């Protein structure tokens, strides 16, 4: 499961795209989930999306946010995991390090930090913390609902994905009346 978290974070860091000239302001409301406002800035902080991709990013963020809310409601605490991940993954690479991966991380952090008027080091640290928190809550939530240890090593990953998707769909249906999308 730890490998899944690391892979998710690294994959997110590698995905580099511009986000300029948006028709949305960072403080525009993207959605409201169970009374809590999610802004365009909240979504764009963890998803690198242009205006065309923003509705899908909002949808994905809402689902992650809903899972996080449910995890907290269940009393799940992921603070230690988030802190541990931040120590290993949230560090801005030194300029002395000239590898493709370090250069990609710097490029990602610099482009995103500019959007949020932050220093790249600060953005990367906060991005890693938020991304780790969402991932840790999701992982803990699904571990409560799916017995991963009982899965056969040859278990069809599509079946597991379908089970997780059904859990998400059920959760969404349960709170559908309390979710309001402002960007679709």
N, C-alpha and C. Protein backbone atom coordinates (compact mmCIF):
# COMPACT_ATOMS: atom_id res chain seq x y z
N UNK A 1 0.83 -1.18 0.00
CA UNK A 1 0.00 0.00 0.00
C UNK A 1 0.88 1.25 0.00
N UNK A 2 2.01 1.21 0.72
CA UNK A 2 2.93 2.34 0.74
C UNK A 2 3.42 2.64 -0.68
N UNK A 3 3.69 1.58 -1.43
CA UNK A 3 4.17 1.75 -2.79
C UNK A 3 3.13 2.47 -3.64
N UNK A 4 1.85 2.19 -3.42
CA UNK A 4 0.78 2.84 -4.15
C UNK A 4 0.78 4.35 -3.86
N UNK A 5 0.97 4.71 -2.61
CA UNK A 5 1.00 6.12 -2.23
C UNK A 5 2.18 6.82 -2.91
N UNK A 6 3.37 6.21 -2.82
CA UNK A 6 4.55 6.82 -3.43
C UNK A 6 4.38 6.95 -4.94
N UNK A 7 3.83 5.93 -5.56
CA UNK A 7 3.63 5.95 -7.01
C UNK A 7 2.65 7.05 -7.39
N UNK A 8 1.57 7.20 -6.63
CA UNK A 8 0.58 8.24 -6.91
C UNK A 8 1.21 9.62 -6.82
N UNK A 9 1.97 9.85 -5.78
CA UNK A 9 2.59 11.17 -5.60
C UNK A 9 3.61 11.44 -6.69
N UNK A 10 4.45 10.47 -6.99
CA UNK A 10 5.45 10.67 -8.03
C UNK A 10 4.81 10.86 -9.40
N UNK A 11 3.76 10.12 -9.68
CA UNK A 11 3.06 10.30 -10.96
C UNK A 11 2.46 11.69 -11.05
N UNK A 12 1.94 12.19 -9.93
CA UNK A 12 1.39 13.54 -9.92
C UNK A 12 2.46 14.58 -10.16
N UNK A 13 3.65 14.35 -9.60
CA UNK A 13 4.74 15.29 -9.79
C UNK A 13 5.25 15.31 -11.22
N UNK A 14 5.22 14.18 -11.88
CA UNK A 14 5.75 14.08 -13.22
C UNK A 14 4.83 14.76 -14.24
N UNK A 15 3.54 14.78 -13.97
CA UNK A 15 2.58 15.37 -14.90
C UNK A 15 2.73 16.88 -14.85
N UNK A 16 3.35 17.45 -15.88
CA UNK A 16 3.62 18.88 -15.91
C UNK A 16 2.88 19.49 -17.09
N UNK A 17 2.02 20.48 -16.79
CA UNK A 17 1.31 21.17 -17.85
C UNK A 17 1.04 22.60 -17.40
N UNK A 18 0.89 23.48 -18.33
CA UNK A 18 0.64 24.88 -18.01
C UNK A 18 -0.80 25.11 -17.61
N UNK A 19 -1.02 26.13 -16.84
CA UNK A 19 -2.37 26.48 -16.43
C UNK A 19 -2.48 28.00 -16.42
N UNK A 20 -2.48 28.60 -17.60
CA UNK A 20 -2.51 30.04 -17.70
C UNK A 20 -3.76 30.48 -18.42
N UNK A 21 -4.11 31.74 -18.23
CA UNK A 21 -5.24 32.30 -18.94
C UNK A 21 -6.57 31.66 -18.58
N UNK A 22 -6.73 31.23 -17.37
CA UNK A 22 -7.95 30.56 -16.95
C UNK A 22 -9.11 31.53 -16.87
N UNK A 23 -10.30 31.04 -17.16
CA UNK A 23 -11.50 31.84 -16.99
C UNK A 23 -11.97 31.85 -15.54
N UNK A 24 -11.30 31.08 -14.69
CA UNK A 24 -11.68 30.97 -13.28
C UNK A 24 -10.64 31.64 -12.40
N UNK A 25 -11.12 32.22 -11.30
CA UNK A 25 -10.23 32.73 -10.27
C UNK A 25 -10.01 31.63 -9.25
N UNK A 26 -8.88 31.66 -8.59
CA UNK A 26 -8.56 30.63 -7.61
C UNK A 26 -9.57 30.58 -6.46
N UNK A 27 -10.20 31.72 -6.16
CA UNK A 27 -11.15 31.72 -5.04
C UNK A 27 -12.59 31.46 -5.48
N UNK A 28 -12.82 31.17 -6.77
CA UNK A 28 -14.16 30.79 -7.23
C UNK A 28 -14.55 29.45 -6.60
N UNK A 29 -15.82 29.31 -6.27
CA UNK A 29 -16.31 28.05 -5.72
C UNK A 29 -16.42 27.02 -6.83
N UNK A 30 -15.75 25.89 -6.65
CA UNK A 30 -15.82 24.79 -7.61
C UNK A 30 -16.93 23.82 -7.24
N UNK A 31 -17.11 23.60 -5.94
CA UNK A 31 -18.12 22.66 -5.45
C UNK A 31 -18.32 22.91 -3.95
N UNK A 32 -19.42 22.35 -3.46
CA UNK A 32 -19.68 22.34 -2.02
C UNK A 32 -20.00 20.90 -1.66
N UNK A 33 -19.28 20.37 -0.68
CA UNK A 33 -19.46 18.99 -0.26
C UNK A 33 -19.85 18.97 1.21
N UNK A 34 -21.08 18.53 1.47
CA UNK A 34 -21.59 18.44 2.84
C UNK A 34 -21.35 19.74 3.60
N UNK A 35 -21.64 20.87 2.92
CA UNK A 35 -21.54 22.18 3.55
C UNK A 35 -20.16 22.80 3.51
N UNK A 36 -19.16 22.11 3.02
CA UNK A 36 -17.80 22.64 2.97
C UNK A 36 -17.45 23.06 1.54
N UNK A 37 -17.04 24.32 1.40
CA UNK A 37 -16.71 24.86 0.09
C UNK A 37 -15.35 24.36 -0.40
N UNK A 38 -15.31 24.01 -1.66
CA UNK A 38 -14.07 23.66 -2.35
C UNK A 38 -13.87 24.71 -3.43
N UNK A 39 -12.75 25.40 -3.40
CA UNK A 39 -12.49 26.44 -4.38
C UNK A 39 -11.71 25.88 -5.58
N UNK A 40 -11.69 26.66 -6.64
CA UNK A 40 -10.88 26.30 -7.81
C UNK A 40 -9.43 26.17 -7.37
N UNK A 41 -8.98 27.05 -6.49
CA UNK A 41 -7.61 26.98 -5.97
C UNK A 41 -7.33 25.68 -5.24
N UNK A 42 -8.30 25.21 -4.45
CA UNK A 42 -8.12 23.93 -3.75
C UNK A 42 -7.88 22.81 -4.75
N UNK A 43 -8.68 22.81 -5.82
CA UNK A 43 -8.57 21.75 -6.84
C UNK A 43 -7.26 21.87 -7.60
N UNK A 44 -6.95 23.10 -8.04
CA UNK A 44 -5.74 23.28 -8.83
C UNK A 44 -4.46 23.12 -8.02
N UNK A 45 -4.57 23.22 -6.71
CA UNK A 45 -3.39 23.02 -5.88
C UNK A 45 -2.90 21.57 -5.97
N UNK A 46 -3.84 20.64 -6.11
CA UNK A 46 -3.45 19.22 -6.16
C UNK A 46 -3.63 18.58 -7.53
N UNK A 47 -4.36 19.24 -8.42
CA UNK A 47 -4.53 18.73 -9.78
C UNK A 47 -4.08 19.80 -10.76
N UNK A 48 -3.23 19.44 -11.66
CA UNK A 48 -2.72 20.35 -12.67
C UNK A 48 -3.64 20.25 -13.88
N UNK A 49 -4.63 21.14 -13.96
CA UNK A 49 -5.65 21.03 -15.00
C UNK A 49 -5.86 22.38 -15.66
N UNK A 50 -6.10 22.34 -16.96
CA UNK A 50 -6.49 23.57 -17.65
C UNK A 50 -8.01 23.68 -17.59
N UNK A 51 -8.57 24.75 -18.18
CA UNK A 51 -10.01 24.98 -18.08
C UNK A 51 -10.83 23.81 -18.62
N UNK A 52 -10.37 23.19 -19.72
CA UNK A 52 -11.10 22.06 -20.29
C UNK A 52 -11.09 20.84 -19.37
N UNK A 53 -10.01 20.67 -18.62
CA UNK A 53 -9.85 19.52 -17.73
C UNK A 53 -10.42 19.78 -16.33
N UNK A 54 -10.70 21.05 -16.03
CA UNK A 54 -11.12 21.41 -14.67
C UNK A 54 -12.37 20.68 -14.19
N UNK A 55 -13.42 20.51 -15.01
CA UNK A 55 -14.58 19.77 -14.49
C UNK A 55 -14.23 18.34 -14.03
N UNK A 56 -13.37 17.66 -14.78
CA UNK A 56 -12.95 16.32 -14.37
C UNK A 56 -12.11 16.37 -13.09
N UNK A 57 -11.26 17.40 -12.98
CA UNK A 57 -10.44 17.55 -11.78
C UNK A 57 -11.32 17.85 -10.57
N UNK A 58 -12.34 18.69 -10.76
CA UNK A 58 -13.27 18.99 -9.66
C UNK A 58 -13.98 17.71 -9.22
N UNK A 59 -14.44 16.94 -10.19
CA UNK A 59 -15.13 15.68 -9.89
C UNK A 59 -14.22 14.75 -9.08
N UNK A 60 -12.98 14.60 -9.53
CA UNK A 60 -12.04 13.72 -8.83
C UNK A 60 -11.75 14.24 -7.42
N UNK A 61 -11.55 15.55 -7.30
CA UNK A 61 -11.27 16.13 -5.99
C UNK A 61 -12.46 15.95 -5.04
N UNK A 62 -13.65 16.16 -5.56
CA UNK A 62 -14.86 15.99 -4.74
C UNK A 62 -14.93 14.56 -4.20
N UNK A 63 -14.65 13.59 -5.04
CA UNK A 63 -14.70 12.20 -4.59
C UNK A 63 -13.64 11.94 -3.51
N UNK A 64 -12.42 12.44 -3.74
CA UNK A 64 -11.37 12.27 -2.73
C UNK A 64 -11.74 12.98 -1.44
N UNK A 65 -12.30 14.17 -1.56
CA UNK A 65 -12.68 14.95 -0.40
C UNK A 65 -13.79 14.26 0.39
N UNK A 66 -14.75 13.70 -0.33
CA UNK A 66 -15.82 12.97 0.31
C UNK A 66 -15.29 11.75 1.07
N UNK A 67 -14.37 11.03 0.46
CA UNK A 67 -13.74 9.88 1.13
C UNK A 67 -12.98 10.36 2.37
N UNK A 68 -12.27 11.49 2.26
CA UNK A 68 -11.53 12.03 3.40
C UNK A 68 -12.50 12.39 4.52
N UNK A 69 -13.61 13.04 4.19
CA UNK A 69 -14.60 13.39 5.22
C UNK A 69 -15.13 12.13 5.91
N UNK A 70 -15.43 11.10 5.14
CA UNK A 70 -15.94 9.86 5.71
C UNK A 70 -14.89 9.18 6.59
N UNK A 71 -13.65 9.22 6.16
CA UNK A 71 -12.56 8.64 6.95
C UNK A 71 -12.45 9.34 8.30
N UNK A 72 -12.50 10.64 8.27
CA UNK A 72 -12.42 11.41 9.52
C UNK A 72 -13.62 11.08 10.41
N UNK A 73 -14.79 10.96 9.79
CA UNK A 73 -16.00 10.61 10.54
C UNK A 73 -15.85 9.24 11.21
N UNK A 74 -15.11 8.34 10.56
CA UNK A 74 -14.87 7.00 11.10
C UNK A 74 -13.78 7.01 12.18
N UNK A 75 -13.16 8.16 12.40
CA UNK A 75 -12.11 8.26 13.41
C UNK A 75 -10.73 7.85 12.92
N UNK A 76 -10.55 7.79 11.63
CA UNK A 76 -9.26 7.41 11.06
C UNK A 76 -8.29 8.58 11.18
N UNK A 77 -7.10 8.31 11.69
CA UNK A 77 -6.06 9.33 11.83
C UNK A 77 -4.87 8.94 10.97
N UNK A 78 -4.51 9.81 10.05
CA UNK A 78 -3.41 9.51 9.13
C UNK A 78 -2.24 10.47 9.32
N UNK A 79 -2.25 11.24 10.39
CA UNK A 79 -1.25 12.29 10.59
C UNK A 79 0.18 11.75 10.57
N UNK A 80 0.43 10.60 11.17
CA UNK A 80 1.78 10.04 11.17
C UNK A 80 2.23 9.66 9.76
N UNK A 81 1.34 9.07 8.99
CA UNK A 81 1.67 8.69 7.62
C UNK A 81 1.96 9.92 6.77
N UNK A 82 1.15 10.96 6.93
CA UNK A 82 1.33 12.18 6.16
C UNK A 82 2.68 12.82 6.51
N UNK A 83 3.00 12.87 7.78
CA UNK A 83 4.27 13.44 8.22
C UNK A 83 5.44 12.63 7.66
N UNK A 84 5.33 11.32 7.70
CA UNK A 84 6.40 10.46 7.19
C UNK A 84 6.61 10.69 5.69
N UNK A 85 5.52 10.75 4.93
CA UNK A 85 5.63 10.96 3.49
C UNK A 85 6.23 12.31 3.17
N UNK A 86 5.85 13.32 3.95
CA UNK A 86 6.39 14.65 3.74
C UNK A 86 7.88 14.72 3.95
N UNK A 87 8.37 13.95 4.91
CA UNK A 87 9.81 13.93 5.17
C UNK A 87 10.59 13.34 4.01
N UNK A 88 9.98 12.39 3.31
CA UNK A 88 10.70 11.72 2.22
C UNK A 88 10.41 12.32 0.85
N UNK A 89 9.20 12.79 0.64
CA UNK A 89 8.81 13.21 -0.70
C UNK A 89 8.66 14.71 -0.88
N UNK A 90 8.56 15.47 0.18
CA UNK A 90 8.27 16.88 0.06
C UNK A 90 9.49 17.78 -0.01
N UNK A 91 10.63 17.20 -0.21
CA UNK A 91 11.86 18.00 -0.22
C UNK A 91 12.16 18.49 -1.64
N UNK A 92 12.44 19.77 -1.72
CA UNK A 92 12.81 20.37 -2.98
C UNK A 92 14.26 19.97 -3.30
N UNK A 93 14.52 19.48 -4.50
CA UNK A 93 15.88 19.02 -4.82
C UNK A 93 16.89 20.17 -4.85
N UNK A 94 18.03 19.91 -4.34
CA UNK A 94 19.12 20.87 -4.35
C UNK A 94 19.52 21.15 -5.80
N UNK A 95 19.96 22.37 -6.05
CA UNK A 95 20.42 22.72 -7.40
C UNK A 95 21.65 21.90 -7.81
N UNK A 96 22.32 21.32 -6.82
CA UNK A 96 23.50 20.47 -7.10
C UNK A 96 23.10 19.15 -7.75
N UNK A 97 21.84 18.77 -7.59
CA UNK A 97 21.37 17.51 -8.14
C UNK A 97 20.84 17.77 -9.54
N UNK A 98 21.47 17.15 -10.54
CA UNK A 98 21.10 17.37 -11.94
C UNK A 98 20.68 16.05 -12.57
N UNK A 99 19.54 15.55 -12.10
CA UNK A 99 18.97 14.34 -12.69
C UNK A 99 17.66 14.73 -13.37
N UNK A 100 17.19 13.88 -14.25
CA UNK A 100 15.91 14.15 -14.90
C UNK A 100 14.79 14.31 -13.88
N UNK A 101 14.78 13.41 -12.90
CA UNK A 101 13.72 13.45 -11.88
C UNK A 101 13.79 14.75 -11.07
N UNK A 102 14.98 15.14 -10.64
CA UNK A 102 15.12 16.38 -9.86
C UNK A 102 14.72 17.59 -10.69
N UNK A 103 15.11 17.60 -11.95
CA UNK A 103 14.74 18.72 -12.83
C UNK A 103 13.24 18.78 -13.06
N UNK A 104 12.60 17.62 -13.21
CA UNK A 104 11.14 17.59 -13.37
C UNK A 104 10.43 18.09 -12.12
N UNK A 105 10.92 17.69 -10.96
CA UNK A 105 10.31 18.14 -9.70
C UNK A 105 10.47 19.66 -9.58
N UNK A 106 11.66 20.18 -9.87
CA UNK A 106 11.88 21.63 -9.80
C UNK A 106 10.97 22.36 -10.79
N UNK A 107 10.89 21.86 -12.02
CA UNK A 107 10.05 22.50 -13.04
C UNK A 107 8.59 22.49 -12.60
N UNK A 108 8.13 21.36 -12.11
CA UNK A 108 6.75 21.25 -11.62
C UNK A 108 6.51 22.25 -10.50
N UNK A 109 7.36 22.25 -9.49
CA UNK A 109 7.18 23.12 -8.32
C UNK A 109 7.25 24.59 -8.71
N UNK A 110 8.15 24.94 -9.60
CA UNK A 110 8.29 26.34 -10.01
C UNK A 110 7.05 26.81 -10.77
N UNK A 111 6.55 25.99 -11.69
CA UNK A 111 5.38 26.40 -12.48
C UNK A 111 4.13 26.51 -11.60
N UNK A 112 3.96 25.58 -10.70
CA UNK A 112 2.78 25.60 -9.84
C UNK A 112 2.90 26.69 -8.77
N UNK A 113 4.08 26.90 -8.24
CA UNK A 113 4.29 27.93 -7.22
C UNK A 113 3.96 29.30 -7.77
N UNK A 114 4.30 29.53 -9.03
CA UNK A 114 3.99 30.82 -9.67
C UNK A 114 2.49 31.07 -9.67
N UNK A 115 1.71 30.06 -9.97
CA UNK A 115 0.25 30.18 -10.00
C UNK A 115 -0.30 30.60 -8.64
N UNK A 116 0.31 30.10 -7.57
CA UNK A 116 -0.19 30.36 -6.22
C UNK A 116 0.62 31.42 -5.49
N UNK A 117 1.52 32.09 -6.22
CA UNK A 117 2.35 33.15 -5.65
C UNK A 117 3.08 32.67 -4.39
N UNK A 118 3.77 31.55 -4.57
CA UNK A 118 4.51 30.93 -3.47
C UNK A 118 5.94 30.65 -3.93
N UNK A 119 6.79 30.40 -2.99
CA UNK A 119 8.13 29.91 -3.31
C UNK A 119 8.00 28.45 -3.72
N UNK A 120 8.78 27.99 -4.69
CA UNK A 120 8.68 26.59 -5.13
C UNK A 120 8.87 25.58 -4.01
N UNK A 121 9.79 25.86 -3.10
CA UNK A 121 10.04 24.94 -1.99
C UNK A 121 8.80 24.81 -1.11
N UNK A 122 8.16 25.96 -0.84
CA UNK A 122 6.96 25.98 0.00
C UNK A 122 5.81 25.27 -0.69
N UNK A 123 5.65 25.56 -2.01
CA UNK A 123 4.58 24.90 -2.75
C UNK A 123 4.77 23.38 -2.71
N UNK A 124 5.97 22.91 -3.02
CA UNK A 124 6.21 21.46 -3.07
C UNK A 124 5.93 20.81 -1.73
N UNK A 125 6.35 21.46 -0.66
CA UNK A 125 6.11 20.91 0.68
C UNK A 125 4.61 20.82 0.97
N UNK A 126 3.88 21.89 0.69
CA UNK A 126 2.44 21.91 0.95
C UNK A 126 1.69 20.98 0.01
N UNK A 127 2.09 20.96 -1.26
CA UNK A 127 1.48 20.05 -2.24
C UNK A 127 1.64 18.60 -1.77
N UNK A 128 2.85 18.25 -1.37
CA UNK A 128 3.12 16.88 -0.92
C UNK A 128 2.29 16.53 0.30
N UNK A 129 2.15 17.49 1.22
CA UNK A 129 1.36 17.24 2.42
C UNK A 129 -0.11 17.01 2.04
N UNK A 130 -0.66 17.88 1.20
CA UNK A 130 -2.07 17.74 0.82
C UNK A 130 -2.31 16.48 0.01
N UNK A 131 -1.43 16.20 -0.94
CA UNK A 131 -1.58 15.00 -1.78
C UNK A 131 -1.44 13.75 -0.92
N UNK A 132 -0.49 13.77 0.01
CA UNK A 132 -0.29 12.63 0.91
C UNK A 132 -1.49 12.43 1.82
N UNK A 133 -2.06 13.54 2.30
CA UNK A 133 -3.22 13.45 3.18
C UNK A 133 -4.41 12.83 2.44
N UNK A 134 -4.70 13.32 1.25
CA UNK A 134 -5.81 12.76 0.47
C UNK A 134 -5.57 11.28 0.17
N UNK A 135 -4.36 10.94 -0.22
CA UNK A 135 -4.04 9.54 -0.52
C UNK A 135 -4.12 8.65 0.71
N UNK A 136 -3.59 9.15 1.82
CA UNK A 136 -3.60 8.34 3.05
C UNK A 136 -5.03 8.10 3.53
N UNK A 137 -5.86 9.12 3.48
CA UNK A 137 -7.25 8.93 3.88
C UNK A 137 -7.96 7.95 2.95
N UNK A 138 -7.71 8.08 1.65
CA UNK A 138 -8.33 7.16 0.69
C UNK A 138 -7.88 5.73 0.95
N UNK A 139 -6.58 5.54 1.12
CA UNK A 139 -6.06 4.20 1.37
C UNK A 139 -6.64 3.61 2.65
N UNK A 140 -6.67 4.41 3.71
CA UNK A 140 -7.22 3.91 4.99
C UNK A 140 -8.70 3.59 4.86
N UNK A 141 -9.43 4.43 4.15
CA UNK A 141 -10.86 4.21 3.96
C UNK A 141 -11.10 2.89 3.22
N UNK A 142 -10.37 2.67 2.13
CA UNK A 142 -10.59 1.46 1.35
C UNK A 142 -10.07 0.22 2.08
N UNK A 143 -9.05 0.37 2.91
CA UNK A 143 -8.59 -0.76 3.72
C UNK A 143 -9.66 -1.19 4.71
N UNK A 144 -10.50 -0.25 5.14
CA UNK A 144 -11.61 -0.56 6.04
C UNK A 144 -12.73 -1.31 5.31
N UNK A 145 -12.83 -1.13 4.00
CA UNK A 145 -13.93 -1.70 3.23
C UNK A 145 -13.54 -2.86 2.32
N UNK A 146 -12.26 -3.02 2.06
CA UNK A 146 -11.79 -4.11 1.19
C UNK A 146 -10.66 -4.81 1.93
N UNK A 147 -10.74 -6.11 2.03
CA UNK A 147 -9.70 -6.88 2.72
C UNK A 147 -8.59 -7.21 1.72
N UNK A 148 -7.65 -6.27 1.59
CA UNK A 148 -6.56 -6.43 0.62
C UNK A 148 -5.65 -7.60 0.96
N UNK A 149 -5.51 -7.91 2.24
CA UNK A 149 -4.65 -9.02 2.65
C UNK A 149 -5.20 -10.37 2.21
N UNK A 150 -6.50 -10.45 2.05
CA UNK A 150 -7.13 -11.69 1.63
C UNK A 150 -7.11 -11.91 0.12
N UNK A 151 -6.69 -10.89 -0.61
CA UNK A 151 -6.66 -11.01 -2.06
C UNK A 151 -5.55 -11.94 -2.50
N UNK A 152 -5.85 -12.76 -3.43
CA UNK A 152 -4.87 -13.65 -4.04
C UNK A 152 -3.93 -12.80 -4.88
N UNK A 153 -2.66 -13.14 -4.89
CA UNK A 153 -1.68 -12.39 -5.66
C UNK A 153 -2.07 -12.32 -7.13
N UNK A 154 -2.79 -13.30 -7.59
CA UNK A 154 -3.22 -13.33 -8.98
C UNK A 154 -4.61 -12.73 -9.17
N UNK A 155 -5.15 -12.12 -8.10
CA UNK A 155 -6.48 -11.51 -8.17
C UNK A 155 -6.53 -10.51 -9.31
N UNK A 156 -7.62 -10.51 -10.00
CA UNK A 156 -7.80 -9.61 -11.13
C UNK A 156 -7.92 -8.18 -10.62
N UNK A 157 -6.98 -7.33 -11.00
CA UNK A 157 -6.97 -5.95 -10.55
C UNK A 157 -8.23 -5.21 -10.98
N UNK A 158 -8.79 -5.60 -12.10
CA UNK A 158 -10.03 -4.97 -12.57
C UNK A 158 -11.17 -5.23 -11.60
N UNK A 159 -11.20 -6.42 -11.00
CA UNK A 159 -12.24 -6.74 -10.02
C UNK A 159 -12.09 -5.87 -8.77
N UNK A 160 -10.86 -5.67 -8.33
CA UNK A 160 -10.61 -4.81 -7.17
C UNK A 160 -11.00 -3.37 -7.50
N UNK A 161 -10.60 -2.90 -8.69
CA UNK A 161 -10.97 -1.55 -9.11
C UNK A 161 -12.48 -1.38 -9.16
N UNK A 162 -13.18 -2.40 -9.65
CA UNK A 162 -14.64 -2.34 -9.73
C UNK A 162 -15.26 -2.27 -8.33
N UNK A 163 -14.69 -3.01 -7.39
CA UNK A 163 -15.18 -2.98 -6.01
C UNK A 163 -14.98 -1.60 -5.40
N UNK A 164 -13.80 -1.03 -5.60
CA UNK A 164 -13.51 0.31 -5.07
C UNK A 164 -14.42 1.34 -5.72
N UNK A 165 -14.61 1.23 -7.02
CA UNK A 165 -15.49 2.16 -7.72
C UNK A 165 -16.92 2.06 -7.21
N UNK A 166 -17.37 0.85 -6.90
CA UNK A 166 -18.72 0.67 -6.36
C UNK A 166 -18.84 1.32 -4.98
N UNK A 167 -17.81 1.22 -4.18
CA UNK A 167 -17.81 1.86 -2.86
C UNK A 167 -17.92 3.37 -3.02
N UNK A 168 -17.17 3.91 -3.97
CA UNK A 168 -17.21 5.35 -4.23
C UNK A 168 -18.60 5.75 -4.73
N UNK A 169 -19.13 4.99 -5.65
CA UNK A 169 -20.47 5.28 -6.18
C UNK A 169 -21.52 5.26 -5.07
N UNK A 170 -21.45 4.26 -4.19
CA UNK A 170 -22.40 4.16 -3.07
C UNK A 170 -22.26 5.37 -2.14
N UNK A 171 -21.03 5.77 -1.87
CA UNK A 171 -20.78 6.92 -1.00
C UNK A 171 -21.33 8.19 -1.66
N UNK A 172 -21.09 8.34 -2.95
CA UNK A 172 -21.60 9.50 -3.67
C UNK A 172 -23.13 9.53 -3.64
N UNK A 173 -23.76 8.39 -3.89
CA UNK A 173 -25.22 8.32 -3.86
C UNK A 173 -25.77 8.67 -2.48
N UNK A 174 -25.07 8.23 -1.44
CA UNK A 174 -25.52 8.51 -0.08
C UNK A 174 -25.55 10.01 0.21
N UNK A 175 -24.60 10.75 -0.36
CA UNK A 175 -24.50 12.18 -0.08
C UNK A 175 -24.80 13.06 -1.29
N UNK A 176 -25.38 12.50 -2.32
CA UNK A 176 -25.63 13.23 -3.56
C UNK A 176 -26.38 14.54 -3.33
N UNK A 177 -27.33 14.54 -2.42
CA UNK A 177 -28.10 15.75 -2.14
C UNK A 177 -27.27 16.81 -1.41
N UNK A 178 -26.11 16.42 -0.90
CA UNK A 178 -25.25 17.35 -0.16
C UNK A 178 -24.00 17.72 -0.96
N UNK A 179 -24.01 17.43 -2.25
CA UNK A 179 -22.89 17.77 -3.13
C UNK A 179 -23.42 18.68 -4.23
N UNK A 180 -22.78 19.82 -4.35
CA UNK A 180 -23.21 20.82 -5.32
C UNK A 180 -22.00 21.21 -6.17
N UNK A 181 -22.08 20.96 -7.46
CA UNK A 181 -21.01 21.31 -8.38
C UNK A 181 -21.27 22.69 -8.97
N UNK A 182 -20.27 23.53 -8.98
CA UNK A 182 -20.37 24.86 -9.56
C UNK A 182 -19.62 24.93 -10.90
N UNK A 183 -18.78 23.95 -11.15
CA UNK A 183 -18.04 23.85 -12.41
C UNK A 183 -18.31 22.48 -12.97
N UNK A 184 -18.94 22.45 -14.14
CA UNK A 184 -19.27 21.15 -14.76
C UNK A 184 -18.88 21.18 -16.21
